[in-house]
Amino acid sequence: MVTPEETLFTIPCEAVFNTHPSVFRTALVGVGEKGKQLPVLCVELEKGIRANKEKVRQELMDLAKAHIHTQGISTILFHPAFPVDIRHNAKIFREKLAVWAARSLK
């Protein structure tokens, strides 16, 4: 995804945030006009844990600041269960998440 300042690559960025113990998986999506997108990190928490989302958000922001390739990510949204391909649970429908993120930010 391309922001006005940089190009962000999903896999290396998501790898940083996926190290958090409360995070099941993350998906980096772009909201807005191509080339001027706002990077939004969508977060799916581990099932069955009671996490304080604001605490987790702050910890994820601290992780973002600690890595050069994630410092431009400052918007984090929590999603209950990512839309995925039923044949390949690992394939996240990022397009659907981007639409959800755009609606959530309004």
C-alpha atoms as a PDB file:
ATOM      1  CA  MET A   1       0.000   0.000   0.000  1.00  0.00           C
ATOM      2  CA  VAL A   2       1.220   3.463  -0.865  1.00  0.00           C
ATOM      3  CA  THR A   3       0.901   6.447   1.453  1.00  0.00           C
ATOM      4  CA  PRO A   4       1.975   9.993   0.548  1.00  0.00           C
ATOM      5  CA  GLU A   5       5.240   9.342   2.456  1.00  0.00           C
ATOM      6  CA  GLU A   6       6.139   5.710   1.728  1.00  0.00           C
ATOM      7  CA  THR A   7       5.254   2.275   0.441  1.00  0.00           C
ATOM      8  CA  LEU A   8       4.359  -0.240   3.138  1.00  0.00           C
ATOM      9  CA  PHE A   9       4.575  -3.979   2.577  1.00  0.00           C
ATOM     10  CA  THR A  10       2.014  -6.065   4.439  1.00  0.00           C
ATOM     11  CA  ILE A  11       3.997  -9.145   5.428  1.00  0.00           C
ATOM     12  CA  PRO A  12       6.985  -7.425   7.096  1.00  0.00           C
ATOM     13  CA  CYS A  13       4.733  -4.891   8.827  1.00  0.00           C
ATOM     14  CA  GLU A  14       2.256  -7.479  10.076  1.00  0.00           C
ATOM     15  CA  ALA A  15       5.088  -9.685  11.353  1.00  0.00           C
ATOM     16  CA  VAL A  16       6.025  -6.972  13.857  1.00  0.00           C
ATOM     17  CA  PHE A  17       2.522  -6.792  15.342  1.00  0.00           C
ATOM     18  CA  ASN A  18       1.868 -10.537  15.231  1.00  0.00           C
ATOM     19  CA  THR A  19       4.522 -10.988  17.937  1.00  0.00           C
ATOM     20  CA  HIS A  20       2.173  -9.511  20.562  1.00  0.00           C
ATOM     21  CA  PRO A  21       0.874 -12.334  22.804  1.00  0.00           C
ATOM     22  CA  SER A  22      -2.759 -11.141  22.649  1.00  0.00           C
ATOM     23  CA  VAL A  23      -2.811 -10.921  18.839  1.00  0.00           C
ATOM     24  CA  PHE A  24      -4.035 -13.828  16.727  1.00  0.00           C
ATOM     25  CA  ARG A  25      -3.331 -12.072  13.421  1.00  0.00           C
ATOM     26  CA  THR A  26      -3.164  -8.659  11.821  1.00  0.00           C
ATOM     27  CA  ALA A  27      -3.850  -7.253   8.391  1.00  0.00           C
ATOM     28  CA  LEU A  28      -2.493  -3.983   7.074  1.00  0.00           C
ATOM     29  CA  VAL A  29      -4.935  -2.291   4.720  1.00  0.00           C
ATOM     30  CA  GLY A  30      -5.055   1.048   2.959  1.00  0.00           C
ATOM     31  CA  VAL A  31      -7.990   3.413   3.281  1.00  0.00           C
ATOM     32  CA  GLY A  32      -8.541   6.173   0.785  1.00  0.00           C
ATOM     33  CA  GLU A  33      -7.299   7.130  -2.635  1.00  0.00           C
ATOM     34  CA  LYS A  34      -4.543   4.984  -4.110  1.00  0.00           C
ATOM     35  CA  GLY A  35      -1.175   6.622  -3.646  1.00  0.00           C
ATOM     36  CA  LYS A  36      -2.515   8.651  -0.726  1.00  0.00           C
ATOM     37  CA  GLN A  37      -3.790   5.879   1.483  1.00  0.00           C
ATOM     38  CA  LEU A  38      -3.994   5.908   5.252  1.00  0.00           C
ATOM     39  CA  PRO A  39      -2.381   2.738   6.624  1.00  0.00           C
ATOM     40  CA  VAL A  40      -4.776   0.953   8.981  1.00  0.00           C
ATOM     41  CA  LEU A  41      -3.757  -2.045  11.026  1.00  0.00           C
ATOM     42  CA  CYS A  42      -6.676  -4.396  11.575  1.00  0.00           C
ATOM     43  CA  VAL A  43      -6.178  -6.645  14.582  1.00  0.00           C
ATOM     44  CA  GLU A  44      -7.872  -9.923  15.453  1.00  0.00           C
ATOM     45  CA  LEU A  45      -7.219 -10.866  19.061  1.00  0.00           C
ATOM     46  CA  GLU A  46      -6.611 -14.392  20.294  1.00  0.00           C
ATOM     47  CA  LYS A  47      -9.861 -16.216  21.001  1.00  0.00           C
ATOM     48  CA  GLY A  48     -10.847 -16.744  24.607  1.00  0.00           C
ATOM     49  CA  ILE A  49      -8.681 -14.069  26.187  1.00  0.00           C
ATOM     50  CA  ARG A  50      -9.986 -10.946  27.848  1.00  0.00           C
ATOM     51  CA  ALA A  51      -7.635  -8.248  26.667  1.00  0.00           C
ATOM     52  CA  ASN A  52      -7.896  -4.559  27.448  1.00  0.00           C
ATOM     53  CA  LYS A  53      -8.043  -3.219  23.889  1.00  0.00           C
ATOM     54  CA  GLU A  54      -6.691   0.213  24.811  1.00  0.00           C
ATOM     55  CA  LYS A  55      -3.714  -1.383  26.568  1.00  0.00           C
ATOM     56  CA  VAL A  56      -3.104  -3.667  23.583  1.00  0.00           C
ATOM     57  CA  ARG A  57      -3.457  -0.682  21.226  1.00  0.00           C
ATOM     58  CA  GLN A  58      -0.780   1.228  23.160  1.00  0.00           C
ATOM     59  CA  GLU A  59       1.539  -1.789  23.199  1.00  0.00           C
ATOM     60  CA  LEU A  60       1.076  -2.184  19.438  1.00  0.00           C
ATOM     61  CA  MET A  61       1.843   1.517  18.933  1.00  0.00           C
ATOM     62  CA  ASP A  62       5.025   1.037  20.972  1.00  0.00           C
ATOM     63  CA  LEU A  63       5.958  -1.885  18.700  1.00  0.00           C
ATOM     64  CA  ALA A  64       5.273   0.286  15.640  1.00  0.00           C
ATOM     65  CA  LYS A  65       7.554   3.045  16.892  1.00  0.00           C
ATOM     66  CA  ALA A  66      10.353   0.545  17.591  1.00  0.00           C
ATOM     67  CA  HIS A  67      10.650  -0.576  13.948  1.00  0.00           C
ATOM     68  CA  ILE A  68      11.541   1.733  11.078  1.00  0.00           C
ATOM     69  CA  HIS A  69       9.198   0.035   8.604  1.00  0.00           C
ATOM     70  CA  THR A  70       6.133   0.363  10.888  1.00  0.00           C
ATOM     71  CA  GLN A  71       6.605   3.868  12.261  1.00  0.00           C
ATOM     72  CA  GLY A  72       4.102   5.275   9.754  1.00  0.00           C
ATOM     73  CA  ILE A  73       1.261   3.122  11.122  1.00  0.00           C
ATOM     74  CA  SER A  74      -0.789   4.963  13.720  1.00  0.00           C
ATOM     75  CA  THR A  75      -4.355   3.769  13.141  1.00  0.00           C
ATOM     76  CA  ILE A  76      -5.363   0.484  14.752  1.00  0.00           C
ATOM     77  CA  LEU A  77      -8.812  -1.106  14.616  1.00  0.00           C
ATOM     78  CA  PHE A  78      -9.942  -4.298  16.332  1.00  0.00           C
ATOM     79  CA  HIS A  79     -12.008  -6.706  14.238  1.00  0.00           C
ATOM     80  CA  PRO A  80     -13.879  -9.647  15.810  1.00  0.00           C
ATOM     81  CA  ALA A  81     -13.036 -12.200  13.075  1.00  0.00           C
ATOM     82  CA  PHE A  82     -11.306 -11.474   9.780  1.00  0.00           C
ATOM     83  CA  PRO A  83     -13.109 -12.410   6.584  1.00  0.00           C
ATOM     84  CA  VAL A  84     -11.145 -15.306   5.108  1.00  0.00           C
ATOM     85  CA  ASP A  85     -11.361 -17.699   2.196  1.00  0.00           C
ATOM     86  CA  ILE A  86     -13.207 -20.758   3.533  1.00  0.00           C
ATOM     87  CA  ARG A  87     -10.864 -23.038   1.592  1.00  0.00           C
ATOM     88  CA  HIS A  88      -7.707 -21.373   2.905  1.00  0.00           C
ATOM     89  CA  ASN A  89      -8.256 -19.913   6.364  1.00  0.00           C
ATOM     90  CA  ALA A  90      -4.923 -18.095   6.117  1.00  0.00           C
ATOM     91  CA  LYS A  91      -6.039 -16.055   3.061  1.00  0.00           C
ATOM     92  CA  ILE A  92      -7.493 -12.842   4.458  1.00  0.00           C
ATOM     93  CA  PHE A  93      -9.885 -10.847   2.280  1.00  0.00           C
ATOM     94  CA  ARG A  94      -8.030  -7.544   2.673  1.00  0.00           C
ATOM     95  CA  GLU A  95     -10.388  -5.786   0.271  1.00  0.00           C
ATOM     96  CA  LYS A  96     -13.345  -6.497   2.580  1.00  0.00           C
ATOM     97  CA  LEU A  97     -11.311  -5.421   5.606  1.00  0.00           C
ATOM     98  CA  ALA A  98     -10.384  -2.150   3.874  1.00  0.00           C
ATOM     99  CA  VAL A  99     -14.074  -1.390   3.247  1.00  0.00           C
ATOM    100  CA  TRP A 100     -14.888  -2.215   6.888  1.00  0.00           C
ATOM    101  CA  ALA A 101     -11.993  -0.037   8.098  1.00  0.00           C
ATOM    102  CA  ALA A 102     -13.118   2.903   5.965  1.00  0.00           C
ATOM    103  CA  ARG A 103     -16.644   2.655   7.396  1.00  0.00           C
ATOM    104  CA  SER A 104     -15.291   2.298  10.941  1.00  0.00           C
ATOM    105  CA  LEU A 105     -13.205   5.460  10.621  1.00  0.00           C
ATOM    106  CA  LYS A 106     -16.142   7.674   9.572  1.00  0.00           C
END
